């Protein structure tokens, strides 16, 4: 009989990123900074429901891949648009 792969809860917890209120800490801090800046610019409390909406979007995106924001940041920083992107429909890789 083939043996099943066993998962340990401790190992799974140690490999996940730091989470706060259902989103990664990076998303939580970025949402807080953007919300605070918008509140200071517009001086209106309508920013609070917007912040909750952005937090909920982050929570939904974190269900499938918790590191989605970190992966997107790496992709944007490592794979910039090239001048002939419209022709070849691809980006270059810069190490």
PDB file of N, CA and C in Angstrom:
ATOM      1  N   UNK A   1       0.829  -1.170   0.000  1.00  0.00           N
ATOM      2  CA  UNK A   1       0.000   0.000   0.000  1.00  0.00           C
ATOM      3  C   UNK A   1       0.879   1.241   0.000  1.00  0.00           C
ATOM      4  N   UNK A   2       0.444   2.215  -0.724  1.00  0.00           N
ATOM      5  CA  UNK A   2       1.182   3.478  -0.791  1.00  0.00           C
ATOM      6  C   UNK A   2       0.878   4.310   0.452  1.00  0.00           C
ATOM      7  N   UNK A   3       1.929   4.858   1.012  1.00  0.00           N
ATOM      8  CA  UNK A   3       1.728   5.676   2.216  1.00  0.00           C
ATOM      9  C   UNK A   3       1.294   7.088   1.819  1.00  0.00           C
ATOM     10  N   UNK A   4       0.443   7.649   2.615  1.00  0.00           N
ATOM     11  CA  UNK A   4      -0.063   9.000   2.364  1.00  0.00           C
ATOM     12  C   UNK A   4       0.925  10.017   2.917  1.00  0.00           C
ATOM     13  N   UNK A   5       1.020  11.156   2.251  1.00  0.00           N
ATOM     14  CA  UNK A   5       1.847  12.252   2.718  1.00  0.00           C
ATOM     15  C   UNK A   5       1.174  12.899   3.921  1.00  0.00           C
ATOM     16  N   UNK A   6       1.929  13.046   4.993  1.00  0.00           N
ATOM     17  CA  UNK A   6       1.353  13.599   6.208  1.00  0.00           C
ATOM     18  C   UNK A   6       1.732  15.071   6.321  1.00  0.00           C
ATOM     19  N   UNK A   7       0.751  15.877   6.684  1.00  0.00           N
ATOM     20  CA  UNK A   7       0.979  17.298   6.906  1.00  0.00           C
ATOM     21  C   UNK A   7       0.946  17.576   8.400  1.00  0.00           C
ATOM     22  N   UNK A   8       1.871  18.380   8.822  1.00  0.00           N
ATOM     23  CA  UNK A   8       1.862  18.806  10.212  1.00  0.00           C
ATOM     24  C   UNK A   8       1.353  20.230  10.279  1.00  0.00           C
ATOM     25  N   UNK A   9       0.518  20.496  11.240  1.00  0.00           N
ATOM     26  CA  UNK A   9      -0.064  21.827  11.387  1.00  0.00           C
ATOM     27  C   UNK A   9       1.018  22.855  11.689  1.00  0.00           C
ATOM     28  N   UNK A  10       2.000  22.478  12.476  1.00  0.00           N
ATOM     29  CA  UNK A  10       3.062  23.420  12.835  1.00  0.00           C
ATOM     30  C   UNK A  10       3.856  23.810  11.592  1.00  0.00           C
ATOM     31  N   UNK A  11       4.189  22.847  10.727  1.00  0.00           N
ATOM     32  CA  UNK A  11       4.950  23.156   9.523  1.00  0.00           C
ATOM     33  C   UNK A  11       4.163  24.051   8.590  1.00  0.00           C
ATOM     34  N   UNK A  12       2.875  23.798   8.442  1.00  0.00           N
ATOM     35  CA  UNK A  12       2.036  24.635   7.589  1.00  0.00           C
ATOM     36  C   UNK A  12       1.965  26.054   8.139  1.00  0.00           C
ATOM     37  N   UNK A  13       1.854  26.199   9.430  1.00  0.00           N
ATOM     38  CA  UNK A  13       1.781  27.530  10.027  1.00  0.00           C
ATOM     39  C   UNK A  13       3.095  28.281   9.899  1.00  0.00           C
ATOM     40  N   UNK A  14       4.210  27.586   9.958  1.00  0.00           N
ATOM     41  CA  UNK A  14       5.505  28.248   9.876  1.00  0.00           C
ATOM     42  C   UNK A  14       5.864  28.687   8.463  1.00  0.00           C
ATOM     43  N   UNK A  15       5.230  28.127   7.462  1.00  0.00           N
ATOM     44  CA  UNK A  15       5.542  28.492   6.080  1.00  0.00           C
ATOM     45  C   UNK A  15       4.624  29.567   5.518  1.00  0.00           C
ATOM     46  N   UNK A  16       3.620  29.969   6.255  1.00  0.00           N
ATOM     47  CA  UNK A  16       2.702  31.011   5.787  1.00  0.00           C
ATOM     48  C   UNK A  16       3.188  32.378   6.228  1.00  0.00           C
ATOM     49  N   UNK A  17       2.826  33.422   5.486  1.00  0.00           N
ATOM     50  CA  UNK A  17       3.262  34.765   5.880  1.00  0.00           C
ATOM     51  C   UNK A  17       2.497  35.263   7.100  1.00  0.00           C
ATOM     52  N   UNK A  18       3.014  36.321   7.689  1.00  0.00           N
ATOM     53  CA  UNK A  18       2.368  36.915   8.854  1.00  0.00           C
ATOM     54  C   UNK A  18       1.039  37.537   8.429  1.00  0.00           C
ATOM     55  N   UNK A  19      -0.035  37.163   9.106  1.00  0.00           N
ATOM     56  CA  UNK A  19      -1.374  37.634   8.764  1.00  0.00           C
ATOM     57  C   UNK A  19      -1.921  38.507   9.889  1.00  0.00           C
ATOM     58  N   UNK A  20      -2.754  39.480   9.495  1.00  0.00           N
ATOM     59  CA  UNK A  20      -3.421  40.334  10.469  1.00  0.00           C
ATOM     60  C   UNK A  20      -4.812  40.625   9.951  1.00  0.00           C
ATOM     61  N   UNK A  21      -5.822  40.229  10.688  1.00  0.00           N
ATOM     62  CA  UNK A  21      -7.228  40.436  10.340  1.00  0.00           C
ATOM     63  C   UNK A  21      -7.584  39.842   8.977  1.00  0.00           C
ATOM     64  N   UNK A  22      -7.004  38.696   8.649  1.00  0.00           N
ATOM     65  CA  UNK A  22      -7.356  37.994   7.428  1.00  0.00           C
ATOM     66  C   UNK A  22      -6.563  38.371   6.192  1.00  0.00           C
ATOM     67  N   UNK A  23      -5.666  39.343   6.300  1.00  0.00           N
ATOM     68  CA  UNK A  23      -4.819  39.743   5.163  1.00  0.00           C
ATOM     69  C   UNK A  23      -3.367  39.720   5.613  1.00  0.00           C
ATOM     70  N   UNK A  24      -2.457  39.757   4.655  1.00  0.00           N
ATOM     71  CA  UNK A  24      -1.047  39.789   5.014  1.00  0.00           C
ATOM     72  C   UNK A  24      -0.713  41.133   5.646  1.00  0.00           C
ATOM     73  N   UNK A  25       0.354  41.131   6.395  1.00  0.00           N
ATOM     74  CA  UNK A  25       0.755  42.344   7.088  1.00  0.00           C
ATOM     75  C   UNK A  25       1.113  43.439   6.086  1.00  0.00           C
ATOM     76  N   UNK A  26       1.697  43.078   4.958  1.00  0.00           N
ATOM     77  CA  UNK A  26       2.035  44.048   3.916  1.00  0.00           C
ATOM     78  C   UNK A  26       0.781  44.741   3.393  1.00  0.00           C
ATOM     79  N   UNK A  27      -0.265  43.973   3.099  1.00  0.00           N
ATOM     80  CA  UNK A  27      -1.524  44.534   2.604  1.00  0.00           C
ATOM     81  C   UNK A  27      -2.173  45.419   3.658  1.00  0.00           C
ATOM     82  N   UNK A  28      -2.132  44.974   4.921  1.00  0.00           N
ATOM     83  CA  UNK A  28      -2.750  45.732   6.001  1.00  0.00           C
ATOM     84  C   UNK A  28      -2.068  47.096   6.176  1.00  0.00           C
ATOM     85  N   UNK A  29      -0.740  47.109   6.157  1.00  0.00           N
ATOM     86  CA  UNK A  29      -0.002  48.368   6.316  1.00  0.00           C
ATOM     87  C   UNK A  29      -0.226  49.280   5.108  1.00  0.00           C
ATOM     88  N   UNK A  30      -0.176  48.712   3.901  1.00  0.00           N
ATOM     89  CA  UNK A  30      -0.390  49.521   2.693  1.00  0.00           C
ATOM     90  C   UNK A  30      -1.798  50.118   2.689  1.00  0.00           C
ATOM     91  N   UNK A  31      -2.792  49.330   3.069  1.00  0.00           N
ATOM     92  CA  UNK A  31      -4.167  49.824   3.136  1.00  0.00           C
ATOM     93  C   UNK A  31      -4.284  50.930   4.179  1.00  0.00           C
ATOM     94  N   UNK A  32      -3.635  50.761   5.316  1.00  0.00           N
ATOM     95  CA  UNK A  32      -3.675  51.777   6.359  1.00  0.00           C
ATOM     96  C   UNK A  32      -3.028  53.080   5.936  1.00  0.00           C
ATOM     97  N   UNK A  33      -1.894  52.994   5.261  1.00  0.00           N
ATOM     98  CA  UNK A  33      -1.198  54.199   4.805  1.00  0.00           C
ATOM     99  C   UNK A  33      -2.014  54.934   3.748  1.00  0.00           C
ATOM    100  N   UNK A  34      -2.528  54.204   2.776  1.00  0.00           N
ATOM    101  CA  UNK A  34      -3.320  54.830   1.711  1.00  0.00           C
ATOM    102  C   UNK A  34      -4.602  55.428   2.279  1.00  0.00           C
ATOM    103  N   UNK A  35      -5.246  54.721   3.191  1.00  0.00           N
ATOM    104  CA  UNK A  35      -6.481  55.239   3.791  1.00  0.00           C
ATOM    105  C   UNK A  35      -6.219  56.493   4.619  1.00  0.00           C
ATOM    106  N   UNK A  36      -5.129  56.495   5.378  1.00  0.00           N
ATOM    107  CA  UNK A  36      -4.791  57.677   6.181  1.00  0.00           C
ATOM    108  C   UNK A  36      -4.475  58.874   5.286  1.00  0.00           C
ATOM    109  N   UNK A  37      -3.753  58.631   4.201  1.00  0.00           N
ATOM    110  CA  UNK A  37      -3.438  59.720   3.271  1.00  0.00           C
ATOM    111  C   UNK A  37      -4.701  60.265   2.602  1.00  0.00           C
ATOM    112  N   UNK A  38      -5.593  59.379   2.200  1.00  0.00           N
ATOM    113  CA  UNK A  38      -6.845  59.832   1.594  1.00  0.00           C
ATOM    114  C   UNK A  38      -7.698  60.613   2.593  1.00  0.00           C
ATOM    115  N   UNK A  39      -7.691  60.170   3.857  1.00  0.00           N
ATOM    116  CA  UNK A  39      -8.442  60.898   4.877  1.00  0.00           C
ATOM    117  C   UNK A  39      -7.854  62.294   5.098  1.00  0.00           C
ATOM    118  N   UNK A  40      -6.520  62.396   5.098  1.00  0.00           N
ATOM    119  CA  UNK A  40      -5.886  63.697   5.287  1.00  0.00           C
ATOM    120  C   UNK A  40      -6.094  64.618   4.086  1.00  0.00           C
ATOM    121  N   UNK A  41      -6.158  64.042   2.903  1.00  0.00           N
ATOM    122  CA  UNK A  41      -6.345  64.859   1.700  1.00  0.00           C
ATOM    123  C   UNK A  41      -7.789  65.354   1.603  1.00  0.00           C
ATOM    124  N   UNK A  42      -8.752  64.444   1.735  1.00  0.00           N
ATOM    125  CA  UNK A  42     -10.154  64.788   1.516  1.00  0.00           C
ATOM    126  C   UNK A  42     -10.880  65.242   2.779  1.00  0.00           C
ATOM    127  N   UNK A  43     -10.342  64.961   3.960  1.00  0.00           N
ATOM    128  CA  UNK A  43     -10.951  65.353   5.240  1.00  0.00           C
ATOM    129  C   UNK A  43     -12.412  64.908   5.331  1.00  0.00           C
ATOM    130  N   UNK A  44     -12.638  63.681   4.960  1.00  0.00           N
ATOM    131  CA  UNK A  44     -13.990  63.143   4.962  1.00  0.00           C
ATOM    132  C   UNK A  44     -13.960  61.705   5.491  1.00  0.00           C
ATOM    133  N   UNK A  45     -15.042  61.321   6.163  1.00  0.00           N
ATOM    134  CA  UNK A  45     -15.100  59.976   6.719  1.00  0.00           C
ATOM    135  C   UNK A  45     -15.571  58.929   5.709  1.00  0.00           C
ATOM    136  N   UNK A  46     -15.830  59.315   4.456  1.00  0.00           N
ATOM    137  CA  UNK A  46     -16.219  58.320   3.453  1.00  0.00           C
ATOM    138  C   UNK A  46     -15.046  57.422   3.100  1.00  0.00           C
ATOM    139  N   UNK A  47     -13.859  57.782   3.560  1.00  0.00           N
ATOM    140  CA  UNK A  47     -12.672  56.956   3.302  1.00  0.00           C
ATOM    141  C   UNK A  47     -12.735  55.661   4.121  1.00  0.00           C
ATOM    142  N   UNK A  48     -13.372  55.677   5.275  1.00  0.00           N
ATOM    143  CA  UNK A  48     -13.449  54.483   6.113  1.00  0.00           C
ATOM    144  C   UNK A  48     -14.181  53.314   5.440  1.00  0.00           C
ATOM    145  N   UNK A  49     -15.349  53.521   4.815  1.00  0.00           N
ATOM    146  CA  UNK A  49     -15.955  52.394   4.086  1.00  0.00           C
ATOM    147  C   UNK A  49     -15.091  51.932   2.907  1.00  0.00           C
ATOM    148  N   UNK A  50     -14.402  52.867   2.288  1.00  0.00           N
ATOM    149  CA  UNK A  50     -13.505  52.491   1.197  1.00  0.00           C
ATOM    150  C   UNK A  50     -12.358  51.627   1.718  1.00  0.00           C
ATOM    151  N   UNK A  51     -11.817  51.975   2.890  1.00  0.00           N
ATOM    152  CA  UNK A  51     -10.750  51.181   3.495  1.00  0.00           C
ATOM    153  C   UNK A  51     -11.241  49.778   3.843  1.00  0.00           C
ATOM    154  N   UNK A  52     -12.475  49.682   4.343  1.00  0.00           N
ATOM    155  CA  UNK A  52     -13.042  48.361   4.653  1.00  0.00           C
ATOM    156  C   UNK A  52     -13.259  47.533   3.391  1.00  0.00           C
ATOM    157  N   UNK A  53     -13.662  48.199   2.308  1.00  0.00           N
ATOM    158  CA  UNK A  53     -13.837  47.495   1.037  1.00  0.00           C
ATOM    159  C   UNK A  53     -12.500  46.974   0.510  1.00  0.00           C
ATOM    160  N   UNK A  54     -11.473  47.804   0.575  1.00  0.00           N
ATOM    161  CA  UNK A  54     -10.137  47.381   0.118  1.00  0.00           C
ATOM    162  C   UNK A  54      -9.623  46.239   0.994  1.00  0.00           C
ATOM    163  N   UNK A  55      -9.893  46.301   2.296  1.00  0.00           N
ATOM    164  CA  UNK A  55      -9.489  45.222   3.194  1.00  0.00           C
ATOM    165  C   UNK A  55     -10.217  43.918   2.836  1.00  0.00           C
ATOM    166  N   UNK A  56     -11.500  44.015   2.524  1.00  0.00           N
ATOM    167  CA  UNK A  56     -12.270  42.823   2.148  1.00  0.00           C
ATOM    168  C   UNK A  56     -11.757  42.226   0.841  1.00  0.00           C
ATOM    169  N   UNK A  57     -11.385  43.077  -0.103  1.00  0.00           N
ATOM    170  CA  UNK A  57     -10.812  42.586  -1.360  1.00  0.00           C
ATOM    171  C   UNK A  57      -9.511  41.848  -1.084  1.00  0.00           C
ATOM    172  N   UNK A  58      -8.683  42.412  -0.209  1.00  0.00           N
ATOM    173  CA  UNK A  58      -7.435  41.747   0.166  1.00  0.00           C
ATOM    174  C   UNK A  58      -7.669  40.422   0.863  1.00  0.00           C
ATOM    175  N   UNK A  59      -8.711  40.350   1.690  1.00  0.00           N
ATOM    176  CA  UNK A  59      -9.027  39.097   2.380  1.00  0.00           C
ATOM    177  C   UNK A  59      -9.462  38.019   1.391  1.00  0.00           C
ATOM    178  N   UNK A  60     -10.251  38.414   0.394  1.00  0.00           N
ATOM    179  CA  UNK A  60     -10.685  37.444  -0.627  1.00  0.00           C
ATOM    180  C   UNK A  60      -9.489  36.971  -1.454  1.00  0.00           C
ATOM    181  N   UNK A  61      -8.610  37.892  -1.821  1.00  0.00           N
ATOM    182  CA  UNK A  61      -7.428  37.512  -2.597  1.00  0.00           C
ATOM    183  C   UNK A  61      -6.457  36.665  -1.775  1.00  0.00           C
ATOM    184  N   UNK A  62      -6.425  36.860  -0.467  1.00  0.00           N
ATOM    185  CA  UNK A  62      -5.518  36.103   0.392  1.00  0.00           C
ATOM    186  C   UNK A  62      -5.991  34.671   0.628  1.00  0.00           C
ATOM    187  N   UNK A  63      -7.228  34.380   0.328  1.00  0.00           N
ATOM    188  CA  UNK A  63      -7.716  33.015   0.535  1.00  0.00           C
ATOM    189  C   UNK A  63      -6.995  32.025  -0.374  1.00  0.00           C
ATOM    190  N   UNK A  64      -6.771  32.397  -1.599  1.00  0.00           N
ATOM    191  CA  UNK A  64      -6.120  31.488  -2.538  1.00  0.00           C
ATOM    192  C   UNK A  64      -4.605  31.534  -2.414  1.00  0.00           C
ATOM    193  N   UNK A  65      -4.029  32.734  -2.415  1.00  0.00           N
ATOM    194  CA  UNK A  65      -2.575  32.907  -2.316  1.00  0.00           C
ATOM    195  C   UNK A  65      -2.289  34.059  -1.362  1.00  0.00           C
ATOM    196  N   UNK A  66      -1.825  33.749  -0.156  1.00  0.00           N
ATOM    197  CA  UNK A  66      -1.574  34.823   0.810  1.00  0.00           C
ATOM    198  C   UNK A  66      -0.490  35.807   0.381  1.00  0.00           C
ATOM    199  N   UNK A  67       0.439  35.401  -0.434  1.00  0.00           N
ATOM    200  CA  UNK A  67       1.543  36.279  -0.836  1.00  0.00           C
ATOM    201  C   UNK A  67       1.308  36.971  -2.177  1.00  0.00           C
ATOM    202  N   UNK A  68       0.054  37.211  -2.536  1.00  0.00           N
ATOM    203  CA  UNK A  68      -0.238  37.771  -3.851  1.00  0.00           C
ATOM    204  C   UNK A  68       0.371  39.154  -4.030  1.00  0.00           C
ATOM    205  N   UNK A  69       0.380  39.989  -3.012  1.00  0.00           N
ATOM    206  CA  UNK A  69       0.937  41.333  -3.133  1.00  0.00           C
ATOM    207  C   UNK A  69       2.450  41.281  -3.275  1.00  0.00           C
ATOM    208  N   UNK A  70       3.108  40.435  -2.493  1.00  0.00           N
ATOM    209  CA  UNK A  70       4.558  40.297  -2.595  1.00  0.00           C
ATOM    210  C   UNK A  70       4.966  39.748  -3.960  1.00  0.00           C
ATOM    211  N   UNK A  71       4.212  38.789  -4.471  1.00  0.00           N
ATOM    212  CA  UNK A  71       4.504  38.235  -5.800  1.00  0.00           C
ATOM    213  C   UNK A  71       4.310  39.277  -6.893  1.00  0.00           C
ATOM    214  N   UNK A  72       3.271  40.096  -6.759  1.00  0.00           N
ATOM    215  CA  UNK A  72       3.035  41.146  -7.745  1.00  0.00           C
ATOM    216  C   UNK A  72       4.150  42.192  -7.719  1.00  0.00           C
ATOM    217  N   UNK A  73       4.617  42.549  -6.533  1.00  0.00           N
ATOM    218  CA  UNK A  73       5.707  43.518  -6.413  1.00  0.00           C
ATOM    219  C   UNK A  73       6.977  42.983  -7.058  1.00  0.00           C
ATOM    220  N   UNK A  74       7.287  41.711  -6.848  1.00  0.00           N
ATOM    221  CA  UNK A  74       8.467  41.115  -7.470  1.00  0.00           C
ATOM    222  C   UNK A  74       8.314  41.081  -8.978  1.00  0.00           C
ATOM    223  N   UNK A  75       7.132  40.743  -9.465  1.00  0.00           N
ATOM    224  CA  UNK A  75       6.913  40.687 -10.914  1.00  0.00           C
ATOM    225  C   UNK A  75       7.073  42.054 -11.561  1.00  0.00           C
ATOM    226  N   UNK A  76       6.518  43.079 -10.936  1.00  0.00           N
ATOM    227  CA  UNK A  76       6.611  44.428 -11.490  1.00  0.00           C
ATOM    228  C   UNK A  76       8.053  44.936 -11.455  1.00  0.00           C
ATOM    229  N   UNK A  77       8.780  44.613 -10.396  1.00  0.00           N
ATOM    230  CA  UNK A  77      10.153  45.109 -10.284  1.00  0.00           C
ATOM    231  C   UNK A  77      11.125  44.343 -11.169  1.00  0.00           C
ATOM    232  N   UNK A  78      10.859  43.081 -11.450  1.00  0.00           N
ATOM    233  CA  UNK A  78      11.788  42.264 -12.243  1.00  0.00           C
ATOM    234  C   UNK A  78      11.455  42.194 -13.731  1.00  0.00           C
ATOM    235  N   UNK A  79      10.228  42.413 -14.085  1.00  0.00           N
ATOM    236  CA  UNK A  79       9.805  42.278 -15.481  1.00  0.00           C
ATOM    237  C   UNK A  79       9.183  43.577 -15.979  1.00  0.00           C
ATOM    238  N   UNK A  80       9.979  44.589 -16.273  1.00  0.00           N
ATOM    239  CA  UNK A  80       9.406  45.850 -16.756  1.00  0.00           C
ATOM    240  C   UNK A  80       8.937  45.720 -18.208  1.00  0.00           C
ATOM    241  N   UNK A  81       8.096  46.640 -18.622  1.00  0.00           N
ATOM    242  CA  UNK A  81       7.649  46.662 -20.015  1.00  0.00           C
ATOM    243  C   UNK A  81       8.801  47.047 -20.920  1.00  0.00           C
ATOM    244  N   UNK A  82       8.889  46.384 -22.037  1.00  0.00           N
ATOM    245  CA  UNK A  82       9.906  46.727 -23.015  1.00  0.00           C
ATOM    246  C   UNK A  82       9.296  47.620 -24.083  1.00  0.00           C
ATOM    247  N   UNK A  83      10.144  48.257 -24.882  1.00  0.00           N
ATOM    248  CA  UNK A  83       9.647  49.209 -25.878  1.00  0.00           C
ATOM    249  C   UNK A  83       8.798  48.536 -26.951  1.00  0.00           C
ATOM    250  N   UNK A  84       9.131  47.293 -27.275  1.00  0.00           N
ATOM    251  CA  UNK A  84       8.395  46.613 -28.339  1.00  0.00           C
ATOM    252  C   UNK A  84       7.380  45.607 -27.774  1.00  0.00           C
ATOM    253  N   UNK A  85       6.788  45.908 -26.630  1.00  0.00           N
ATOM    254  CA  UNK A  85       5.800  45.010 -26.033  1.00  0.00           C
ATOM    255  C   UNK A  85       4.562  44.852 -26.922  1.00  0.00           C
ATOM    256  N   UNK A  86       4.168  45.910 -27.598  1.00  0.00           N
ATOM    257  CA  UNK A  86       2.990  45.830 -28.471  1.00  0.00           C
ATOM    258  C   UNK A  86       3.225  44.864 -29.631  1.00  0.00           C
ATOM    259  N   UNK A  87       4.471  44.756 -30.072  1.00  0.00           N
ATOM    260  CA  UNK A  87       4.784  43.865 -31.190  1.00  0.00           C
ATOM    261  C   UNK A  87       4.895  42.406 -30.745  1.00  0.00           C
ATOM    262  N   UNK A  88       5.648  42.137 -29.671  1.00  0.00           N
ATOM    263  CA  UNK A  88       5.935  40.765 -29.257  1.00  0.00           C
ATOM    264  C   UNK A  88       5.003  40.246 -28.161  1.00  0.00           C
ATOM    265  N   UNK A  89       4.244  41.118 -27.495  1.00  0.00           N
ATOM    266  CA  UNK A  89       3.315  40.739 -26.437  1.00  0.00           C
ATOM    267  C   UNK A  89       4.003  39.987 -25.286  1.00  0.00           C
ATOM    268  N   UNK A  90       5.205  40.420 -24.938  1.00  0.00           N
ATOM    269  CA  UNK A  90       5.913  39.837 -23.799  1.00  0.00           C
ATOM    270  C   UNK A  90       6.859  40.854 -23.199  1.00  0.00           C
ATOM    271  N   UNK A  91       7.330  40.574 -21.992  1.00  0.00           N
ATOM    272  CA  UNK A  91       8.266  41.434 -21.291  1.00  0.00           C
ATOM    273  C   UNK A  91       9.632  40.779 -21.247  1.00  0.00           C
ATOM    274  N   UNK A  92      10.627  41.549 -20.884  1.00  0.00           N
ATOM    275  CA  UNK A  92      11.959  40.998 -20.723  1.00  0.00           C
ATOM    276  C   UNK A  92      12.215  40.726 -19.244  1.00  0.00           C
ATOM    277  N   UNK A  93      13.203  39.933 -18.975  1.00  0.00           N
ATOM    278  CA  UNK A  93      13.590  39.634 -17.606  1.00  0.00           C
ATOM    279  C   UNK A  93      14.885  40.349 -17.306  1.00  0.00           C
ATOM    280  N   UNK A  94      14.897  41.114 -16.217  1.00  0.00           N
ATOM    281  CA  UNK A  94      16.110  41.811 -15.827  1.00  0.00           C
ATOM    282  C   UNK A  94      16.568  41.210 -14.498  1.00  0.00           C
ATOM    283  N   UNK A  95      17.759  40.574 -14.468  1.00  0.00           N
ATOM    284  CA  UNK A  95      18.239  39.960 -13.209  1.00  0.00           C
ATOM    285  C   UNK A  95      18.635  40.992 -12.185  1.00  0.00           C
TER     286      UNK A  95
END
